[in-house]
Amino acid sequence: MKKQISFIIIWMIGLEFLFGTLQAQTVTLTFTGRYAANQYVQLDHIFVTNLTKGWQEIIYWPDTTLTMQNGTGIDESVANGGFALSQNNPNPFSGTTDLNLTVADAGAVTLEIVDGNARIVETQSFASLPIGTNQFRISLSAAGTYVMSARQNGKSSSIKMVCNDGGNGNRIEYMGASVETWCTATLQPKSITTNPFDLGDQMEYVGYASINGTEVESLHITQVQNASQTFALLFPTATGGGHPCPGNETITDIDGNVYNTVLIGNQCWMKENLRTTKYADYTPIPAGGTYSDTDPYRYAPNNDESNVATFGYLYNWPAVMHAEAPSEANPSGVQGICPNGWHVPSDAEWTQLTDYVSSRGVFVCGSDNSYIAKALAATTGWYECDYECAVGNDQSANNATGFSALPTGYYYSDGYYYFSFDTNFWGATADGENQSCWRNIDFSWAYMHRYCSRRDFGYSVRCLCD
């Protein structure tokens, strides 16, 4: 028994040494373009920016990949004859994760998963795989540390995977190939940068495509890069709609209400107003028959419960915060009224949204980059207005971001006001002891207003993903 335990320990130490020298030293980025309803769009060019190191590369069609060499270690793909597993993403993961296998030669391929006790938990063999990048989905039934290995023609490649929560069964599923052209002399992908790169660098990716004869910029992706990854660059539509957040297309609150989401820049927002009647801890939120700046209340827009399904509830600030302290941080860290895994946006997070939308020409009306309200407002329901770039003017041109703000009006003191005229969104940031900050969109204006005022108003709530 002692010999067996010693063998396992030595085996794991050996794998740690192998991973420390070979794992994820080459990072390959693969890009695709997506338009409305997840339609494919051809990328004309892609800007890849290393924000940590301060360099930028441009990839031009038909190239759609960029390979970066980690500053330390060995390029496993080249040293191993162009045969390498990428690090799975996400890692750690819960039940299911994805990875790529780079193949440079024809020949049978075997994939194998081994657990921490050196037991094979799943294996899969393929008579042949297309040369280039092949994508796989891995499912594991139990939490633990695993080793994934690939073998072909005497070559092998391994990665370590950490599963935090098991799923239903152990599976290796082939998801398809992204066939690449390889240089037979060097066996390297077609786009390679010689610029310095280290695992953990902060990167930014943005694509450009011709849509209906106009060059359109994709939503930006900014993140820390630690492994090879495939990105779908999302392009806003001319008539609105936006794109759901990858992996968080919908969110369900404690009442069972399901909300669509929208990705704007790097922020994942609820695409609909909150309409819960209780907190995530099951504490009920009383229906408001009065107003208060200390006790939590909810109100039906325009005092009509039939409006709630579309417009959500209005809440006073005590209801929004659920006794948590105000926050100016980004992210706010205030769950408050939001579902688990989501939070009330701080003033800084609202500013991040407006700064991002203002910086993208596709979202701006006219030449003033503060004229972004139309890009945030829904395409119906607003009172009409003749002013150019106002939300109420040509509403069919609204909602380029997909944020879909609706004119809920607000509740205050003795009544309901401005339904169909404006909308207001609470934030988690205080202004002094008795006021808090919020954002406003009005039918007759072209920009989003920022105000701070009393806490007994009933406004709408949008939550952000943690």
Protein backbone atom coordinates (compact mmCIF):
# COMPACT_ATOMS: atom_id res chain seq x y z
CA MET A 1 0.00 0.00 0.00
CA LYS A 2 2.86 2.39 0.84
CA LYS A 3 4.50 1.64 -2.51
CA GLN A 4 1.27 2.47 -4.33
CA ILE A 5 0.89 5.79 -2.48
CA SER A 6 4.53 6.64 -3.17
CA PHE A 7 4.04 5.89 -6.87
CA ILE A 8 1.02 8.18 -7.06
CA ILE A 9 2.88 11.02 -5.30
CA ILE A 10 5.89 10.64 -7.60
CA TRP A 11 3.59 10.49 -10.64
CA MET A 12 1.81 13.72 -9.62
CA ILE A 13 5.11 15.49 -8.89
CA GLY A 14 6.37 14.44 -12.31
CA LEU A 15 3.27 15.86 -13.93
CA GLU A 16 3.68 19.14 -12.03
CA PHE A 17 7.24 19.38 -13.38
CA LEU A 18 6.01 18.61 -16.90
CA PHE A 19 3.28 21.26 -16.68
CA GLY A 20 5.71 23.81 -15.25
CA THR A 21 7.95 23.51 -18.31
CA LEU A 22 5.59 22.81 -21.18
CA GLN A 23 1.99 23.72 -20.37
CA ALA A 24 0.32 26.61 -22.21
CA GLN A 25 3.59 28.20 -23.32
CA THR A 26 2.10 28.89 -26.74
CA VAL A 27 -1.19 30.79 -26.71
CA THR A 28 -3.22 30.71 -29.92
CA LEU A 29 -6.11 33.14 -30.33
CA THR A 30 -8.82 32.22 -32.84
CA PHE A 31 -11.47 34.75 -33.92
CA THR A 32 -14.88 34.50 -35.58
CA GLY A 33 -17.48 37.22 -36.21
CA ARG A 34 -21.13 37.06 -35.16
CA TYR A 35 -23.99 39.36 -36.17
CA ALA A 36 -27.71 39.38 -35.34
CA ALA A 37 -29.29 36.07 -34.29
CA ASN A 38 -25.79 34.55 -34.06
CA GLN A 39 -25.26 34.83 -37.82
CA TYR A 40 -21.69 34.44 -39.06
CA VAL A 41 -20.02 37.58 -40.45
CA GLN A 42 -16.64 37.71 -42.19
CA LEU A 43 -14.00 39.63 -40.26
CA ASP A 44 -12.11 42.11 -42.46
CA HIS A 45 -9.42 42.68 -39.84
CA ILE A 46 -8.83 42.25 -36.11
CA PHE A 47 -6.89 44.47 -33.70
CA VAL A 48 -5.10 42.54 -30.97
CA THR A 49 -3.66 44.83 -28.28
CA ASN A 50 -1.45 43.80 -25.38
CA LEU A 51 -2.36 46.44 -22.80
CA THR A 52 0.29 45.21 -20.37
CA LYS A 53 3.20 45.28 -22.82
CA GLY A 54 1.92 48.15 -24.96
CA TRP A 55 1.94 46.59 -28.46
CA GLN A 56 -0.68 45.97 -31.13
CA GLU A 57 -1.00 43.50 -34.02
CA ILE A 58 -3.51 43.65 -36.89
CA ILE A 59 -4.74 40.40 -38.47
CA TYR A 60 -6.18 40.67 -41.97
CA TRP A 61 -8.65 38.30 -43.60
CA PRO A 62 -8.31 35.41 -44.43
CA ASP A 63 -6.12 35.06 -41.33
CA THR A 64 -8.23 34.58 -38.21
CA THR A 65 -5.62 33.37 -35.70
CA LEU A 66 -2.71 34.85 -33.80
CA THR A 67 -0.14 32.79 -31.92
CA MET A 68 1.77 34.38 -29.03
CA GLN A 69 4.81 32.80 -27.42
CA ASN A 70 4.98 33.01 -23.65
CA GLY A 71 8.14 34.82 -22.54
CA THR A 72 9.42 31.81 -20.60
CA GLY A 73 9.35 28.11 -21.39
CA ILE A 74 9.11 25.95 -24.50
CA ASP A 75 6.85 26.28 -27.53
CA GLU A 76 5.21 22.88 -27.21
CA SER A 77 3.42 23.09 -30.56
CA VAL A 78 6.69 23.53 -32.48
CA ALA A 79 8.81 21.25 -30.27
CA ASN A 80 6.17 18.55 -30.59
CA GLY A 81 5.83 18.68 -34.38
CA GLY A 82 2.79 20.96 -34.40
CA PHE A 83 0.76 18.68 -32.07
CA ALA A 84 -0.52 20.29 -28.85
CA LEU A 85 -3.48 20.56 -26.50
CA SER A 86 -4.48 24.07 -25.45
CA GLN A 87 -5.37 24.73 -21.83
CA ASN A 88 -9.06 24.08 -21.27
CA ASN A 89 -11.34 27.09 -20.77
CA PRO A 90 -12.71 27.71 -18.23
CA ASN A 91 -10.27 26.20 -15.75
CA PRO A 92 -11.23 25.52 -13.00
CA PHE A 93 -14.70 24.54 -14.23
CA SER A 94 -17.98 23.04 -13.07
CA GLY A 95 -18.83 19.84 -14.92
CA THR A 96 -18.10 21.00 -18.48
CA THR A 97 -15.19 22.75 -20.18
CA ASP A 98 -13.81 23.24 -23.71
CA LEU A 99 -10.36 22.87 -25.23
CA ASN A 100 -8.59 22.78 -28.60
CA LEU A 101 -6.18 20.22 -30.04
CA THR A 102 -3.78 21.41 -32.73
CA VAL A 103 -3.01 18.71 -35.31
CA ALA A 104 -0.36 19.06 -38.02
CA ASP A 105 -0.31 15.52 -39.46
CA ALA A 106 -2.78 12.86 -40.53
CA GLY A 107 -3.10 9.81 -38.32
CA ALA A 108 -5.14 8.27 -35.52
CA VAL A 109 -5.54 10.37 -32.35
CA THR A 110 -6.33 9.10 -28.85
CA LEU A 111 -7.60 11.35 -26.06
CA GLU A 112 -7.50 10.17 -22.46
CA ILE A 113 -8.49 11.62 -19.07
CA VAL A 114 -6.81 10.36 -15.89
CA ASP A 115 -7.82 11.30 -12.34
CA GLY A 116 -5.57 12.13 -9.39
CA ASN A 117 -5.29 8.42 -8.50
CA ALA A 118 -3.89 7.60 -11.96
CA ARG A 119 -7.15 5.92 -13.01
CA ILE A 120 -8.45 6.37 -16.56
CA VAL A 121 -11.93 7.92 -16.33
CA GLU A 122 -12.58 8.42 -20.06
CA THR A 123 -10.87 7.71 -23.37
CA GLN A 124 -11.79 8.40 -26.99
CA SER A 125 -10.04 7.44 -30.23
CA PHE A 126 -10.37 9.07 -33.66
CA ALA A 127 -9.24 7.42 -36.89
CA SER A 128 -8.25 10.83 -38.25
CA LEU A 129 -8.74 14.51 -37.41
CA PRO A 130 -8.51 17.48 -39.80
CA ILE A 131 -5.19 19.28 -39.83
CA GLY A 132 -5.52 22.50 -37.83
CA THR A 133 -7.52 23.32 -34.70
CA ASN A 134 -10.00 20.74 -33.44
CA GLN A 135 -12.43 21.64 -30.68
CA PHE A 136 -13.59 19.32 -27.87
CA ARG A 137 -16.05 19.57 -24.98
CA ILE A 138 -15.08 17.73 -21.80
CA SER A 139 -17.60 16.63 -19.16
CA LEU A 140 -16.63 15.14 -15.79
CA SER A 141 -18.91 13.61 -13.18
CA ALA A 142 -16.83 14.31 -10.07
CA ALA A 143 -14.78 17.16 -8.66
CA GLY A 144 -11.01 16.70 -8.67
CA THR A 145 -7.73 17.30 -10.48
CA TYR A 146 -7.37 15.52 -13.81
CA VAL A 147 -4.80 15.09 -16.56
CA MET A 148 -5.94 15.22 -20.18
CA SER A 149 -3.56 13.62 -22.71
CA ALA A 150 -3.56 13.41 -26.50
CA ARG A 151 -1.41 10.97 -28.51
CA GLN A 152 -0.68 10.66 -32.24
CA ASN A 153 2.12 8.94 -34.14
CA GLY A 154 4.38 8.71 -31.09
CA LYS A 155 3.74 12.38 -30.12
CA SER A 156 1.85 13.36 -26.98
CA SER A 157 0.60 16.48 -25.23
CA SER A 158 -0.94 16.87 -21.75
CA ILE A 159 -2.70 19.48 -19.67
CA LYS A 160 -3.97 19.59 -16.10
CA MET A 161 -7.66 20.34 -15.48
CA VAL A 162 -9.39 21.23 -12.22
CA CYS A 163 -13.08 20.36 -11.86
CA ASN A 164 -14.75 22.07 -8.91
CA ASP A 165 -18.18 20.51 -9.33
CA GLY A 166 -19.15 17.39 -11.24
CA GLY A 167 -21.83 16.99 -13.87
CA ASN A 168 -23.65 14.08 -15.51
CA GLY A 169 -21.14 11.49 -16.68
CA ASN A 170 -17.65 11.54 -18.16
CA ARG A 171 -17.51 12.46 -21.86
CA ILE A 172 -15.13 13.66 -24.56
CA GLU A 173 -17.23 15.25 -27.33
CA TYR A 174 -15.85 16.37 -30.67
CA MET A 175 -17.29 19.81 -31.49
CA GLY A 176 -15.74 20.39 -34.91
CA ALA A 177 -12.65 21.73 -36.65
CA SER A 178 -11.35 25.17 -37.55
CA VAL A 179 -9.07 24.12 -40.36
CA GLU A 180 -5.87 26.14 -40.61
CA THR A 181 -3.23 26.32 -43.31
CA TRP A 182 0.15 25.17 -41.99
CA CYS A 183 3.63 25.85 -43.31
CA THR A 184 5.16 22.42 -43.91
CA ALA A 185 8.64 23.75 -43.16
CA THR A 186 7.95 25.18 -39.71
CA LEU A 187 4.59 23.64 -38.76
CA GLN A 188 3.32 26.88 -37.27
CA PRO A 189 -0.08 28.62 -37.50
CA LYS A 190 -0.40 31.28 -40.15
CA SER A 191 -0.28 34.38 -37.87
CA ILE A 192 2.49 34.58 -35.29
CA THR A 193 3.64 37.64 -33.34
CA THR A 194 7.22 38.17 -32.19
CA ASN A 195 6.08 40.78 -29.66
CA PRO A 196 6.67 39.92 -25.99
CA PHE A 197 3.90 38.08 -24.17
CA ASP A 198 3.56 36.57 -20.72
CA LEU A 199 0.71 34.49 -19.35
CA GLY A 200 -1.53 36.85 -17.38
CA ASP A 201 -1.08 39.85 -19.69
CA GLN A 202 -4.13 42.10 -20.09
CA MET A 203 -5.33 41.90 -23.71
CA GLU A 204 -7.96 43.67 -25.82
CA TYR A 205 -9.59 42.34 -29.01
CA VAL A 206 -11.78 44.21 -31.51
CA GLY A 207 -12.86 43.21 -35.01
CA TYR A 208 -14.07 45.11 -38.07
CA ALA A 209 -16.49 43.80 -40.69
CA SER A 210 -18.44 45.17 -43.65
CA ILE A 211 -22.16 44.93 -42.89
CA ASN A 212 -24.65 46.27 -45.44
CA GLY A 213 -21.83 48.19 -47.14
CA THR A 214 -20.67 49.92 -43.94
CA GLU A 215 -17.60 49.11 -41.84
CA VAL A 216 -18.79 48.19 -38.35
CA GLU A 217 -16.73 47.77 -35.19
CA SER A 218 -17.33 44.81 -32.90
CA LEU A 219 -17.85 45.00 -29.17
CA HIS A 220 -14.47 45.07 -27.44
CA ILE A 221 -13.23 42.12 -25.36
CA THR A 222 -10.72 43.01 -22.63
CA GLN A 223 -9.41 40.27 -20.37
CA VAL A 224 -6.39 38.58 -18.80
CA GLN A 225 -5.06 35.92 -21.19
CA ASN A 226 -3.75 32.70 -19.66
CA ALA A 227 -4.49 30.11 -22.34
CA SER A 228 -5.40 29.53 -25.96
CA GLN A 229 -8.98 30.56 -26.67
CA THR A 230 -11.57 31.00 -29.42
CA PHE A 231 -13.46 34.32 -29.43
CA ALA A 232 -16.74 35.25 -31.11
CA LEU A 233 -16.49 38.99 -31.81
CA LEU A 234 -20.01 40.40 -31.58
CA PHE A 235 -21.30 43.13 -33.89
CA PRO A 236 -24.23 45.38 -32.90
CA THR A 237 -27.14 45.41 -35.29
CA ALA A 238 -28.35 48.54 -37.05
CA THR A 239 -31.84 48.13 -35.58
CA GLY A 240 -30.82 47.02 -32.10
CA GLY A 241 -31.15 43.79 -30.21
CA GLY A 242 -27.61 43.39 -28.87
CA HIS A 243 -25.95 40.11 -27.95
CA PRO A 244 -26.58 38.01 -24.84
CA CYS A 245 -23.71 37.46 -22.42
CA PRO A 246 -21.78 34.27 -23.33
CA GLY A 247 -22.54 31.65 -20.70
CA ASN A 248 -25.15 33.93 -19.05
CA GLU A 249 -27.79 34.28 -21.77
CA THR A 250 -30.52 34.41 -19.12
CA ILE A 251 -30.75 34.82 -15.35
CA THR A 252 -33.53 33.64 -13.02
CA ASP A 253 -34.47 35.45 -9.81
CA ILE A 254 -35.83 34.00 -6.57
CA ASP A 255 -39.43 34.42 -7.83
CA GLY A 256 -38.65 32.37 -10.94
CA ASN A 257 -38.68 35.38 -13.27
CA VAL A 258 -36.33 34.85 -16.22
CA TYR A 259 -34.41 37.84 -17.61
CA ASN A 260 -32.49 38.14 -20.85
CA THR A 261 -28.97 39.59 -20.68
CA VAL A 262 -26.91 41.84 -22.93
CA LEU A 263 -23.14 42.24 -23.26
CA ILE A 264 -22.03 45.87 -23.60
CA GLY A 265 -18.26 46.25 -23.64
CA ASN A 266 -17.02 44.02 -20.83
CA GLN A 267 -20.17 44.39 -18.74
CA CYS A 268 -22.93 41.80 -18.62
CA TRP A 269 -26.24 43.61 -17.89
CA MET A 270 -29.78 42.47 -17.37
CA LYS A 271 -31.63 43.41 -20.55
CA GLU A 272 -34.87 43.82 -18.59
CA ASN A 273 -35.92 45.67 -15.44
CA LEU A 274 -35.98 43.72 -12.20
CA ARG A 275 -39.44 42.53 -11.16
CA THR A 276 -38.79 40.43 -8.06
CA THR A 277 -41.05 40.60 -5.00
CA LYS A 278 -38.42 39.26 -2.60
CA TYR A 279 -34.69 39.14 -2.02
CA ALA A 280 -32.40 36.20 -2.78
CA ASP A 281 -32.63 35.26 0.93
CA TYR A 282 -36.46 35.00 0.54
CA THR A 283 -37.18 38.15 2.55
CA PRO A 284 -40.29 39.76 1.00
CA ILE A 285 -40.27 43.30 -0.40
CA PRO A 286 -43.53 44.98 0.66
CA ALA A 287 -45.80 46.46 -1.99
CA GLY A 288 -45.75 50.22 -1.52
CA GLY A 289 -48.80 52.08 -0.43
CA THR A 290 -46.71 54.90 0.94
CA TYR A 291 -43.21 56.33 0.53
CA SER A 292 -40.15 56.06 2.77
CA ASP A 293 -36.42 56.70 2.71
CA THR A 294 -35.78 54.02 5.36
CA ASP A 295 -38.25 51.17 4.77
CA PRO A 296 -38.11 49.10 1.56
CA TYR A 297 -41.01 49.26 -0.91
CA ARG A 298 -41.85 48.24 -4.48
CA TYR A 299 -44.35 49.92 -6.80
CA ALA A 300 -46.07 48.90 -10.04
CA PRO A 301 -45.27 51.38 -12.85
CA ASN A 302 -48.11 53.84 -13.34
CA ASN A 303 -49.85 52.08 -10.42
CA ASP A 304 -50.86 49.20 -12.69
CA GLU A 305 -49.76 45.62 -11.89
CA SER A 306 -50.31 44.62 -15.51
CA ASN A 307 -47.29 46.78 -16.39
CA VAL A 308 -44.90 44.74 -14.24
CA ALA A 309 -44.36 41.88 -16.71
CA THR A 310 -42.98 44.31 -19.30
CA PHE A 311 -41.64 47.23 -17.27
CA GLY A 312 -40.62 45.56 -14.00
CA TYR A 313 -41.24 47.06 -10.56
CA LEU A 314 -40.11 50.45 -9.28
CA TYR A 315 -38.19 50.29 -5.97
CA ASN A 316 -37.10 52.87 -3.43
CA TRP A 317 -33.40 52.94 -2.52
CA PRO A 318 -33.78 51.06 0.81
CA ALA A 319 -35.36 48.21 -1.16
CA VAL A 320 -32.51 48.24 -3.66
CA MET A 321 -29.75 48.09 -1.04
CA HIS A 322 -31.28 45.56 1.40
CA ALA A 323 -29.42 47.21 4.31
CA GLU A 324 -25.98 46.94 2.64
CA ALA A 325 -23.52 49.84 2.76
CA PRO A 326 -23.24 52.19 -0.26
CA SER A 327 -20.36 51.62 -2.64
CA GLU A 328 -18.31 53.69 -5.08
CA ALA A 329 -16.22 50.70 -6.16
CA ASN A 330 -16.13 49.01 -9.56
CA PRO A 331 -17.57 46.40 -9.19
CA SER A 332 -19.77 47.66 -6.38
CA GLY A 333 -19.85 44.42 -4.37
CA VAL A 334 -23.46 45.19 -3.36
CA GLN A 335 -25.82 42.30 -4.10
CA GLY A 336 -28.76 44.11 -2.53
CA ILE A 337 -31.96 43.31 -4.39
CA CYS A 338 -30.20 41.41 -7.19
CA PRO A 339 -30.17 37.63 -7.72
CA ASN A 340 -27.21 35.56 -6.53
CA GLY A 341 -24.18 36.16 -8.74
CA TRP A 342 -25.38 39.67 -9.69
CA HIS A 343 -25.04 43.09 -8.07
CA VAL A 344 -26.38 46.64 -8.01
CA PRO A 345 -24.16 48.81 -10.25
CA SER A 346 -22.21 51.62 -8.62
CA ASP A 347 -21.99 55.09 -10.10
CA ALA A 348 -18.56 54.11 -11.44
CA GLU A 349 -20.09 51.14 -13.26
CA TRP A 350 -22.79 53.32 -14.80
CA THR A 351 -20.01 55.65 -15.93
CA GLN A 352 -18.15 52.69 -17.42
CA LEU A 353 -21.26 51.90 -19.46
CA THR A 354 -21.76 55.45 -20.74
CA ASP A 355 -18.03 55.92 -21.43
CA TYR A 356 -17.95 52.73 -23.48
CA VAL A 357 -21.07 53.58 -25.49
CA SER A 358 -19.82 57.14 -26.08
CA SER A 359 -16.50 55.85 -27.39
CA ARG A 360 -18.09 53.70 -30.14
CA GLY A 361 -19.26 55.63 -33.17
CA VAL A 362 -21.88 53.03 -34.02
CA PHE A 363 -23.75 53.96 -30.81
CA VAL A 364 -23.53 57.76 -31.12
CA CYS A 365 -26.20 59.92 -32.78
CA GLY A 366 -24.69 62.74 -34.82
CA SER A 367 -21.27 64.17 -34.03
CA ASP A 368 -21.67 64.67 -30.25
CA ASN A 369 -20.38 61.57 -28.45
CA SER A 370 -22.63 62.30 -25.44
CA TYR A 371 -25.68 61.62 -27.63
CA ILE A 372 -26.07 57.97 -26.67
CA ALA A 373 -29.58 57.77 -25.18
CA LYS A 374 -31.10 56.40 -28.40
CA ALA A 375 -28.58 53.54 -28.36
CA LEU A 376 -29.75 52.60 -24.85
CA ALA A 377 -33.51 53.13 -25.24
CA ALA A 378 -36.01 50.56 -26.49
CA THR A 379 -37.54 50.96 -29.95
CA THR A 380 -41.14 51.33 -28.70
CA GLY A 381 -43.18 52.90 -25.90
CA TRP A 382 -41.63 56.38 -25.77
CA TYR A 383 -43.57 59.60 -26.17
CA GLU A 384 -42.82 61.06 -29.59
CA CYS A 385 -40.45 63.98 -30.06
CA ASP A 386 -39.32 65.92 -33.16
CA TYR A 387 -35.86 66.83 -31.88
CA GLU A 388 -33.08 65.15 -33.84
CA CYS A 389 -31.24 62.48 -31.80
CA ALA A 390 -33.91 62.57 -29.06
CA VAL A 391 -35.08 59.17 -27.83
CA GLY A 392 -38.65 59.87 -28.96
CA ASN A 393 -37.58 60.72 -32.52
CA ASP A 394 -37.52 57.84 -35.04
CA GLN A 395 -37.71 55.20 -32.33
CA SER A 396 -37.03 52.43 -34.84
CA ALA A 397 -33.39 53.65 -34.83
CA ASN A 398 -33.07 53.16 -31.05
CA ASN A 399 -31.38 50.37 -29.08
CA ALA A 400 -28.13 49.76 -30.97
CA THR A 401 -26.61 48.45 -27.71
CA GLY A 402 -29.52 46.15 -26.89
CA PHE A 403 -29.91 47.70 -23.41
CA SER A 404 -33.63 48.15 -24.14
CA ALA A 405 -34.53 50.86 -21.59
CA LEU A 406 -38.31 51.35 -21.33
CA PRO A 407 -40.15 54.52 -20.17
CA THR A 408 -41.32 53.37 -16.73
CA GLY A 409 -41.68 56.81 -15.16
CA TYR A 410 -41.26 56.90 -11.38
CA TYR A 411 -43.08 56.90 -8.04
CA TYR A 412 -42.77 59.70 -5.50
CA SER A 413 -44.70 60.81 -2.43
CA ASP A 414 -48.30 60.75 -3.54
CA GLY A 415 -48.29 59.43 -7.04
CA TYR A 416 -46.82 58.05 -10.27
CA TYR A 417 -45.23 60.33 -12.82
CA TYR A 418 -43.99 60.44 -16.43
CA PHE A 419 -44.91 56.92 -17.54
CA SER A 420 -43.94 56.72 -21.26
CA PHE A 421 -41.87 59.92 -20.87
CA ASP A 422 -38.74 58.82 -19.01
CA THR A 423 -36.97 56.09 -17.08
CA ASN A 424 -34.64 56.12 -14.09
CA PHE A 425 -32.18 53.53 -12.77
CA TRP A 426 -30.86 53.30 -9.22
CA GLY A 427 -27.18 52.82 -8.39
CA ALA A 428 -25.37 51.64 -5.25
CA THR A 429 -23.52 54.94 -4.68
CA ALA A 430 -24.52 57.48 -2.01
CA ASP A 431 -24.17 61.26 -2.18
CA GLY A 432 -23.91 62.36 1.44
CA GLU A 433 -26.04 60.89 4.19
CA ASN A 434 -29.48 61.31 2.64
CA GLN A 435 -29.07 61.14 -1.14
CA SER A 436 -28.11 58.50 -3.69
CA CYS A 437 -27.17 58.60 -7.36
CA TRP A 438 -29.13 57.38 -10.37
CA ARG A 439 -29.32 57.61 -14.17
CA ASN A 440 -32.12 58.99 -16.31
CA ILE A 441 -33.21 58.69 -19.95
CA ASP A 442 -35.87 61.12 -21.18
CA PHE A 443 -37.91 60.99 -24.39
CA SER A 444 -36.88 64.54 -25.36
CA TRP A 445 -33.13 64.31 -24.72
CA ALA A 446 -30.23 62.73 -26.57
CA TYR A 447 -28.00 61.82 -23.62
CA MET A 448 -28.24 59.88 -20.35
CA HIS A 449 -28.50 62.17 -17.31
CA ARG A 450 -26.77 61.59 -13.97
CA TYR A 451 -28.51 62.83 -10.81
CA CYS A 452 -28.28 62.36 -7.05
CA SER A 453 -31.36 62.96 -4.90
CA ARG A 454 -33.62 61.61 -2.14
CA ARG A 455 -33.94 57.90 -1.50
CA ASP A 456 -37.73 57.61 -1.27
CA PHE A 457 -38.29 57.76 -5.04
CA GLY A 458 -39.38 54.59 -6.82
CA TYR A 459 -37.05 53.86 -9.75
CA SER A 460 -36.17 50.86 -11.91
CA VAL A 461 -33.26 48.47 -11.26
CA ARG A 462 -30.83 46.79 -13.65
CA CYS A 463 -28.34 44.32 -12.20
CA LEU A 464 -24.79 43.53 -13.37
CA CYS A 465 -23.18 40.11 -13.44
CA ASP A 466 -20.45 39.68 -10.80
